[in-house]
Amino acid sequence: MSSHKGAFSEAPSKEDLEAMSEFRYRLRRFLRFSEEVTRAAGVTPLQYQLMLQVRGFPGRSWATVGELAERLQAAPNGTAALVSRCESAGLVIRKPGDEDRRQVRVHLTVKGERCLLKLAALHKPEIASFGWASRNTTE
């Protein structure tokens, strides 16, 4: 994460503040929507975020606890506890790494995959309202 210390170069304009306000408003509306639909599906917002980060990890369909902690911007021990809760709920499974058996890989279970795809389908139109969800990531 970047440091937020020090003085800023120039004061934000009224237009800057309006744009920031609109962004935060849209972000909060999206987060509230996400909280409601995930809970209605029987998972917590953090469980959904973890499943999304596992399956959406760039270049593969699994992630380590350390990678998930970074993607979730959470402490590794808290992320490990979240993985344990998801494992107890039957959403993920831990597997040892192929090359290094000490490396634990987190994978979605069939139940986790079904839950994620259902929730992601509900989130997709909401994310599209931000204008970048359907972008071509190969550009």
N, C-alpha and C. Protein backbone atom coordinates (compact mmCIF):
# COMPACT_ATOMS: atom_id res chain seq x y z
N MET A 1 0.83 -1.17 0.00
CA MET A 1 0.00 0.00 0.00
C MET A 1 0.88 1.24 0.00
N SER A 2 0.36 2.30 -0.58
CA SER A 2 1.12 3.53 -0.64
C SER A 2 0.94 4.31 0.65
N SER A 3 1.91 5.15 0.92
CA SER A 3 1.84 5.99 2.10
C SER A 3 0.97 7.20 1.81
N HIS A 4 0.22 7.60 2.80
CA HIS A 4 -0.67 8.75 2.64
C HIS A 4 -0.17 9.94 3.44
N LYS A 5 1.11 9.91 3.85
CA LYS A 5 1.67 10.99 4.65
C LYS A 5 2.12 12.12 3.75
N GLY A 6 2.25 13.27 4.33
CA GLY A 6 2.75 14.43 3.60
C GLY A 6 1.64 15.29 3.07
N ALA A 7 2.03 16.47 2.63
CA ALA A 7 1.05 17.43 2.12
C ALA A 7 0.69 17.09 0.68
N PHE A 8 -0.53 17.43 0.29
CA PHE A 8 -0.93 17.23 -1.08
C PHE A 8 -0.52 18.45 -1.89
N SER A 9 -0.38 18.27 -3.20
CA SER A 9 0.16 19.34 -4.03
C SER A 9 -0.82 20.49 -4.25
N GLU A 10 -2.08 20.19 -4.41
CA GLU A 10 -3.05 21.26 -4.57
C GLU A 10 -4.39 20.83 -4.01
N ALA A 11 -5.15 21.79 -3.56
CA ALA A 11 -6.46 21.49 -2.98
C ALA A 11 -7.39 20.98 -4.07
N PRO A 12 -8.22 20.00 -3.76
CA PRO A 12 -9.17 19.51 -4.76
C PRO A 12 -10.22 20.58 -5.08
N SER A 13 -10.61 20.63 -6.34
CA SER A 13 -11.63 21.57 -6.78
C SER A 13 -13.01 21.08 -6.39
N LYS A 14 -13.99 21.91 -6.56
CA LYS A 14 -15.39 21.52 -6.31
C LYS A 14 -15.74 20.34 -7.21
N GLU A 15 -15.30 20.37 -8.47
CA GLU A 15 -15.58 19.27 -9.40
C GLU A 15 -14.91 17.98 -8.93
N ASP A 16 -13.68 18.10 -8.41
CA ASP A 16 -12.99 16.92 -7.86
C ASP A 16 -13.79 16.33 -6.71
N LEU A 17 -14.26 17.20 -5.82
CA LEU A 17 -15.02 16.73 -4.66
C LEU A 17 -16.34 16.10 -5.09
N GLU A 18 -16.99 16.66 -6.09
CA GLU A 18 -18.23 16.08 -6.59
C GLU A 18 -17.97 14.71 -7.21
N ALA A 19 -16.88 14.58 -7.97
CA ALA A 19 -16.54 13.30 -8.58
C ALA A 19 -16.21 12.26 -7.52
N MET A 20 -15.46 12.67 -6.49
CA MET A 20 -15.12 11.76 -5.40
C MET A 20 -16.38 11.33 -4.65
N SER A 21 -17.26 12.29 -4.41
CA SER A 21 -18.51 12.01 -3.73
C SER A 21 -19.35 11.01 -4.53
N GLU A 22 -19.45 11.23 -5.84
CA GLU A 22 -20.23 10.32 -6.69
C GLU A 22 -19.61 8.93 -6.70
N PHE A 23 -18.28 8.84 -6.78
CA PHE A 23 -17.60 7.55 -6.77
C PHE A 23 -17.89 6.81 -5.47
N ARG A 24 -17.74 7.49 -4.32
CA ARG A 24 -17.97 6.84 -3.03
C ARG A 24 -19.43 6.41 -2.89
N TYR A 25 -20.34 7.24 -3.40
CA TYR A 25 -21.77 6.89 -3.36
C TYR A 25 -22.02 5.62 -4.16
N ARG A 26 -21.50 5.56 -5.39
CA ARG A 26 -21.70 4.36 -6.23
C ARG A 26 -21.04 3.14 -5.61
N LEU A 27 -19.86 3.34 -5.06
CA LEU A 27 -19.15 2.23 -4.43
C LEU A 27 -19.95 1.71 -3.23
N ARG A 28 -20.45 2.61 -2.40
CA ARG A 28 -21.21 2.18 -1.23
C ARG A 28 -22.51 1.49 -1.63
N ARG A 29 -23.18 2.00 -2.68
CA ARG A 29 -24.40 1.34 -3.17
C ARG A 29 -24.09 -0.06 -3.64
N PHE A 30 -22.98 -0.21 -4.37
CA PHE A 30 -22.58 -1.53 -4.84
C PHE A 30 -22.28 -2.46 -3.65
N LEU A 31 -21.54 -1.96 -2.69
CA LEU A 31 -21.19 -2.80 -1.54
C LEU A 31 -22.43 -3.21 -0.75
N ARG A 32 -23.37 -2.31 -0.58
CA ARG A 32 -24.62 -2.66 0.12
C ARG A 32 -25.38 -3.73 -0.66
N PHE A 33 -25.47 -3.56 -1.98
CA PHE A 33 -26.10 -4.56 -2.84
C PHE A 33 -25.40 -5.91 -2.64
N SER A 34 -24.09 -5.91 -2.70
CA SER A 34 -23.31 -7.15 -2.57
C SER A 34 -23.55 -7.80 -1.22
N GLU A 35 -23.56 -7.01 -0.16
CA GLU A 35 -23.82 -7.55 1.18
C GLU A 35 -25.18 -8.23 1.24
N GLU A 36 -26.18 -7.59 0.65
CA GLU A 36 -27.54 -8.15 0.68
C GLU A 36 -27.65 -9.45 -0.10
N VAL A 37 -27.11 -9.49 -1.33
CA VAL A 37 -27.27 -10.71 -2.14
C VAL A 37 -26.42 -11.87 -1.62
N THR A 38 -25.25 -11.58 -1.07
CA THR A 38 -24.44 -12.67 -0.54
C THR A 38 -25.11 -13.27 0.69
N ARG A 39 -25.59 -12.42 1.57
CA ARG A 39 -26.26 -12.94 2.78
C ARG A 39 -27.52 -13.73 2.41
N ALA A 40 -28.26 -13.25 1.39
CA ALA A 40 -29.46 -13.98 0.94
C ALA A 40 -29.09 -15.36 0.40
N ALA A 41 -27.87 -15.51 -0.11
CA ALA A 41 -27.41 -16.80 -0.64
C ALA A 41 -26.80 -17.68 0.46
N GLY A 42 -26.74 -17.16 1.69
CA GLY A 42 -26.25 -17.96 2.80
C GLY A 42 -24.76 -17.89 3.04
N VAL A 43 -24.08 -16.91 2.45
CA VAL A 43 -22.66 -16.71 2.71
C VAL A 43 -22.43 -15.27 3.14
N THR A 44 -21.29 -15.02 3.77
CA THR A 44 -20.96 -13.66 4.17
C THR A 44 -20.31 -12.94 3.00
N PRO A 45 -20.31 -11.62 3.02
CA PRO A 45 -19.61 -10.88 1.97
C PRO A 45 -18.13 -11.27 1.87
N LEU A 46 -17.48 -11.51 3.01
CA LEU A 46 -16.07 -11.91 2.97
C LEU A 46 -15.88 -13.29 2.36
N GLN A 47 -16.80 -14.21 2.63
CA GLN A 47 -16.70 -15.53 2.01
C GLN A 47 -16.83 -15.41 0.49
N TYR A 48 -17.77 -14.58 0.04
CA TYR A 48 -17.91 -14.35 -1.41
C TYR A 48 -16.63 -13.75 -1.98
N GLN A 49 -16.08 -12.75 -1.30
CA GLN A 49 -14.86 -12.12 -1.80
C GLN A 49 -13.71 -13.12 -1.87
N LEU A 50 -13.61 -13.99 -0.88
CA LEU A 50 -12.55 -15.00 -0.90
C LEU A 50 -12.74 -15.95 -2.08
N MET A 51 -13.97 -16.43 -2.27
CA MET A 51 -14.22 -17.35 -3.41
C MET A 51 -13.90 -16.66 -4.73
N LEU A 52 -14.29 -15.40 -4.86
CA LEU A 52 -14.02 -14.65 -6.08
C LEU A 52 -12.52 -14.52 -6.31
N GLN A 53 -11.77 -14.25 -5.27
CA GLN A 53 -10.32 -14.10 -5.42
C GLN A 53 -9.64 -15.44 -5.72
N VAL A 54 -10.15 -16.52 -5.16
CA VAL A 54 -9.59 -17.85 -5.48
C VAL A 54 -9.79 -18.14 -6.96
N ARG A 55 -11.02 -18.07 -7.41
CA ARG A 55 -11.35 -18.46 -8.79
C ARG A 55 -10.91 -17.44 -9.81
N GLY A 56 -10.85 -16.16 -9.39
CA GLY A 56 -10.45 -15.10 -10.31
C GLY A 56 -8.98 -14.74 -10.24
N PHE A 57 -8.18 -15.57 -9.56
CA PHE A 57 -6.75 -15.25 -9.46
C PHE A 57 -6.14 -15.28 -10.85
N PRO A 58 -5.36 -14.27 -11.21
CA PRO A 58 -4.80 -14.20 -12.57
C PRO A 58 -3.99 -15.44 -12.95
N GLY A 59 -4.36 -16.05 -14.07
CA GLY A 59 -3.59 -17.14 -14.64
C GLY A 59 -3.84 -18.53 -14.10
N ARG A 60 -4.68 -18.65 -13.05
CA ARG A 60 -4.97 -19.98 -12.51
C ARG A 60 -6.25 -19.93 -11.68
N SER A 61 -6.71 -21.09 -11.23
CA SER A 61 -7.99 -21.16 -10.52
C SER A 61 -7.80 -21.50 -9.03
N TRP A 62 -6.66 -21.20 -8.46
CA TRP A 62 -6.39 -21.41 -7.05
C TRP A 62 -5.47 -20.29 -6.59
N ALA A 63 -5.32 -20.16 -5.29
CA ALA A 63 -4.42 -19.14 -4.72
C ALA A 63 -3.92 -19.62 -3.36
N THR A 64 -2.78 -19.08 -2.95
CA THR A 64 -2.27 -19.38 -1.61
C THR A 64 -2.92 -18.43 -0.61
N VAL A 65 -2.82 -18.77 0.66
CA VAL A 65 -3.38 -17.90 1.70
C VAL A 65 -2.71 -16.53 1.65
N GLY A 66 -1.40 -16.49 1.44
CA GLY A 66 -0.68 -15.21 1.35
C GLY A 66 -1.17 -14.37 0.18
N GLU A 67 -1.39 -15.00 -0.96
CA GLU A 67 -1.92 -14.27 -2.12
C GLU A 67 -3.33 -13.75 -1.85
N LEU A 68 -4.13 -14.58 -1.19
CA LEU A 68 -5.49 -14.16 -0.85
C LEU A 68 -5.47 -13.00 0.14
N ALA A 69 -4.56 -13.05 1.10
CA ALA A 69 -4.44 -11.94 2.07
C ALA A 69 -4.14 -10.64 1.34
N GLU A 70 -3.24 -10.69 0.38
CA GLU A 70 -2.91 -9.49 -0.40
C GLU A 70 -4.11 -9.02 -1.20
N ARG A 71 -4.78 -9.91 -1.88
CA ARG A 71 -5.93 -9.55 -2.72
C ARG A 71 -7.08 -9.00 -1.89
N LEU A 72 -7.25 -9.51 -0.67
CA LEU A 72 -8.31 -9.06 0.22
C LEU A 72 -7.87 -7.87 1.08
N GLN A 73 -6.56 -7.54 1.02
CA GLN A 73 -5.99 -6.49 1.87
C GLN A 73 -6.28 -6.78 3.34
N ALA A 74 -5.97 -8.02 3.73
CA ALA A 74 -6.22 -8.48 5.10
C ALA A 74 -4.96 -9.14 5.65
N ALA A 75 -4.92 -9.29 6.95
CA ALA A 75 -3.78 -9.95 7.59
C ALA A 75 -3.79 -11.44 7.24
N PRO A 76 -2.60 -12.03 7.05
CA PRO A 76 -2.54 -13.46 6.72
C PRO A 76 -3.24 -14.37 7.73
N ASN A 77 -3.13 -14.08 9.04
CA ASN A 77 -3.78 -14.95 10.02
C ASN A 77 -5.30 -14.82 9.94
N GLY A 78 -5.80 -13.63 9.67
CA GLY A 78 -7.24 -13.44 9.49
C GLY A 78 -7.74 -14.13 8.23
N THR A 79 -6.91 -14.08 7.19
CA THR A 79 -7.27 -14.75 5.93
C THR A 79 -7.27 -16.26 6.12
N ALA A 80 -6.31 -16.78 6.86
CA ALA A 80 -6.28 -18.23 7.15
C ALA A 80 -7.53 -18.64 7.91
N ALA A 81 -7.98 -17.81 8.84
CA ALA A 81 -9.21 -18.11 9.59
C ALA A 81 -10.42 -18.07 8.67
N LEU A 82 -10.45 -17.11 7.73
CA LEU A 82 -11.54 -17.03 6.76
C LEU A 82 -11.55 -18.27 5.87
N VAL A 83 -10.37 -18.73 5.43
CA VAL A 83 -10.27 -19.95 4.63
C VAL A 83 -10.82 -21.13 5.44
N SER A 84 -10.49 -21.19 6.71
CA SER A 84 -11.00 -22.28 7.56
C SER A 84 -12.52 -22.25 7.65
N ARG A 85 -13.09 -21.05 7.80
CA ARG A 85 -14.56 -20.94 7.86
C ARG A 85 -15.18 -21.36 6.53
N CYS A 86 -14.56 -20.96 5.42
CA CYS A 86 -15.06 -21.36 4.10
C CYS A 86 -14.92 -22.87 3.90
N GLU A 87 -13.84 -23.43 4.42
CA GLU A 87 -13.63 -24.88 4.32
C GLU A 87 -14.69 -25.62 5.14
N SER A 88 -15.00 -25.13 6.33
CA SER A 88 -16.04 -25.73 7.16
C SER A 88 -17.40 -25.66 6.49
N ALA A 89 -17.63 -24.60 5.71
CA ALA A 89 -18.90 -24.43 4.99
C ALA A 89 -18.94 -25.22 3.69
N GLY A 90 -17.84 -25.91 3.36
CA GLY A 90 -17.79 -26.72 2.15
C GLY A 90 -17.58 -25.91 0.87
N LEU A 91 -17.06 -24.69 1.00
CA LEU A 91 -16.88 -23.82 -0.17
C LEU A 91 -15.50 -23.93 -0.80
N VAL A 92 -14.49 -24.22 0.02
CA VAL A 92 -13.12 -24.34 -0.47
C VAL A 92 -12.47 -25.56 0.14
N ILE A 93 -11.35 -25.93 -0.44
CA ILE A 93 -10.54 -27.03 0.09
C ILE A 93 -9.07 -26.62 -0.03
N ARG A 94 -8.30 -27.02 0.96
CA ARG A 94 -6.85 -26.76 0.92
C ARG A 94 -6.18 -28.00 0.33
N LYS A 95 -5.20 -27.76 -0.55
CA LYS A 95 -4.41 -28.85 -1.12
C LYS A 95 -2.94 -28.46 -1.07
N PRO A 96 -2.06 -29.44 -0.81
CA PRO A 96 -0.62 -29.11 -0.83
C PRO A 96 -0.16 -28.81 -2.25
N GLY A 97 0.86 -27.96 -2.37
CA GLY A 97 1.40 -27.61 -3.68
C GLY A 97 2.06 -28.80 -4.35
N ASP A 98 2.14 -28.75 -5.67
CA ASP A 98 2.76 -29.84 -6.43
C ASP A 98 4.27 -29.89 -6.22
N GLU A 99 4.93 -28.73 -6.34
CA GLU A 99 6.39 -28.69 -6.21
C GLU A 99 6.82 -28.62 -4.76
N ASP A 100 6.17 -27.75 -3.99
CA ASP A 100 6.49 -27.56 -2.59
C ASP A 100 5.26 -27.93 -1.77
N ARG A 101 5.32 -29.06 -1.09
CA ARG A 101 4.15 -29.56 -0.37
C ARG A 101 3.83 -28.69 0.86
N ARG A 102 4.76 -27.80 1.24
CA ARG A 102 4.49 -26.88 2.35
C ARG A 102 3.58 -25.74 1.89
N GLN A 103 3.59 -25.47 0.58
CA GLN A 103 2.73 -24.42 0.04
C GLN A 103 1.30 -24.95 -0.04
N VAL A 104 0.39 -24.28 0.61
CA VAL A 104 -1.00 -24.72 0.61
C VAL A 104 -1.75 -23.91 -0.43
N ARG A 105 -2.45 -24.63 -1.30
CA ARG A 105 -3.25 -24.00 -2.35
C ARG A 105 -4.72 -24.09 -1.97
N VAL A 106 -5.42 -23.00 -2.12
CA VAL A 106 -6.85 -22.96 -1.80
C VAL A 106 -7.61 -23.08 -3.12
N HIS A 107 -8.50 -24.07 -3.20
CA HIS A 107 -9.32 -24.33 -4.39
C HIS A 107 -10.79 -24.26 -4.00
N LEU A 108 -11.64 -23.91 -4.95
CA LEU A 108 -13.08 -23.98 -4.71
C LEU A 108 -13.54 -25.42 -4.80
N THR A 109 -14.53 -25.77 -4.01
CA THR A 109 -15.20 -27.06 -4.15
C THR A 109 -16.29 -26.89 -5.22
N VAL A 110 -16.96 -27.97 -5.56
CA VAL A 110 -18.08 -27.88 -6.50
C VAL A 110 -19.16 -26.96 -5.92
N LYS A 111 -19.43 -27.11 -4.63
CA LYS A 111 -20.41 -26.24 -3.96
C LYS A 111 -19.96 -24.78 -4.02
N GLY A 112 -18.69 -24.52 -3.76
CA GLY A 112 -18.16 -23.16 -3.81
C GLY A 112 -18.23 -22.57 -5.21
N GLU A 113 -17.92 -23.39 -6.20
CA GLU A 113 -17.98 -22.94 -7.60
C GLU A 113 -19.42 -22.56 -7.97
N ARG A 114 -20.38 -23.41 -7.61
CA ARG A 114 -21.80 -23.11 -7.90
C ARG A 114 -22.24 -21.82 -7.22
N CYS A 115 -21.89 -21.67 -5.96
CA CYS A 115 -22.25 -20.49 -5.19
C CYS A 115 -21.61 -19.24 -5.81
N LEU A 116 -20.33 -19.32 -6.12
CA LEU A 116 -19.63 -18.19 -6.72
C LEU A 116 -20.27 -17.77 -8.04
N LEU A 117 -20.52 -18.74 -8.92
CA LEU A 117 -21.08 -18.41 -10.24
C LEU A 117 -22.46 -17.79 -10.12
N LYS A 118 -23.26 -18.28 -9.18
CA LYS A 118 -24.59 -17.71 -8.95
C LYS A 118 -24.47 -16.26 -8.50
N LEU A 119 -23.61 -16.03 -7.51
CA LEU A 119 -23.45 -14.67 -6.99
C LEU A 119 -22.78 -13.74 -8.00
N ALA A 120 -21.81 -14.24 -8.72
CA ALA A 120 -21.13 -13.41 -9.72
C ALA A 120 -22.10 -12.98 -10.82
N ALA A 121 -23.01 -13.87 -11.19
CA ALA A 121 -24.02 -13.52 -12.20
C ALA A 121 -24.92 -12.40 -11.69
N LEU A 122 -25.22 -12.39 -10.39
CA LEU A 122 -26.03 -11.31 -9.81
C LEU A 122 -25.24 -10.00 -9.73
N HIS A 123 -23.94 -10.11 -9.50
CA HIS A 123 -23.09 -8.92 -9.37
C HIS A 123 -22.75 -8.28 -10.72
N LYS A 124 -22.71 -9.09 -11.77
CA LYS A 124 -22.21 -8.59 -13.05
C LYS A 124 -22.93 -7.33 -13.55
N PRO A 125 -24.28 -7.29 -13.56
CA PRO A 125 -24.94 -6.07 -14.02
C PRO A 125 -24.65 -4.86 -13.12
N GLU A 126 -24.51 -5.10 -11.83
CA GLU A 126 -24.20 -4.00 -10.91
C GLU A 126 -22.81 -3.44 -11.20
N ILE A 127 -21.86 -4.34 -11.44
CA ILE A 127 -20.50 -3.90 -11.75
C ILE A 127 -20.48 -3.17 -13.09
N ALA A 128 -21.28 -3.63 -14.03
CA ALA A 128 -21.34 -2.98 -15.34
C ALA A 128 -21.75 -1.53 -15.23
N SER A 129 -22.51 -1.19 -14.20
CA SER A 129 -22.94 0.20 -14.03
C SER A 129 -21.75 1.11 -13.74
N PHE A 130 -20.62 0.54 -13.35
CA PHE A 130 -19.40 1.34 -13.17
C PHE A 130 -18.73 1.63 -14.51
N GLY A 131 -19.13 0.92 -15.57
CA GLY A 131 -18.62 1.21 -16.91
C GLY A 131 -17.36 0.50 -17.31
N TRP A 132 -16.81 -0.38 -16.48
CA TRP A 132 -15.57 -1.06 -16.88
C TRP A 132 -15.63 -2.56 -16.71
N ALA A 133 -16.74 -3.11 -16.27
CA ALA A 133 -16.82 -4.54 -15.96
C ALA A 133 -16.66 -5.41 -17.19
N SER A 134 -17.14 -4.98 -18.33
CA SER A 134 -17.06 -5.82 -19.51
C SER A 134 -15.88 -5.43 -20.40
N ARG A 135 -14.92 -4.76 -19.81
CA ARG A 135 -13.74 -4.34 -20.58
C ARG A 135 -12.98 -5.54 -21.09
N ASN A 136 -12.26 -5.35 -22.15
CA ASN A 136 -11.41 -6.41 -22.71
C ASN A 136 -10.08 -6.34 -21.98
N THR A 137 -9.79 -7.35 -21.17
CA THR A 137 -8.58 -7.33 -20.36
C THR A 137 -7.31 -7.62 -21.16
N THR A 138 -7.45 -7.94 -22.43
CA THR A 138 -6.24 -8.22 -23.25
C THR A 138 -5.76 -6.96 -23.97
N GLU A 139 -6.43 -5.85 -23.80
CA GLU A 139 -6.01 -4.62 -24.47
C GLU A 139 -4.75 -4.07 -23.86
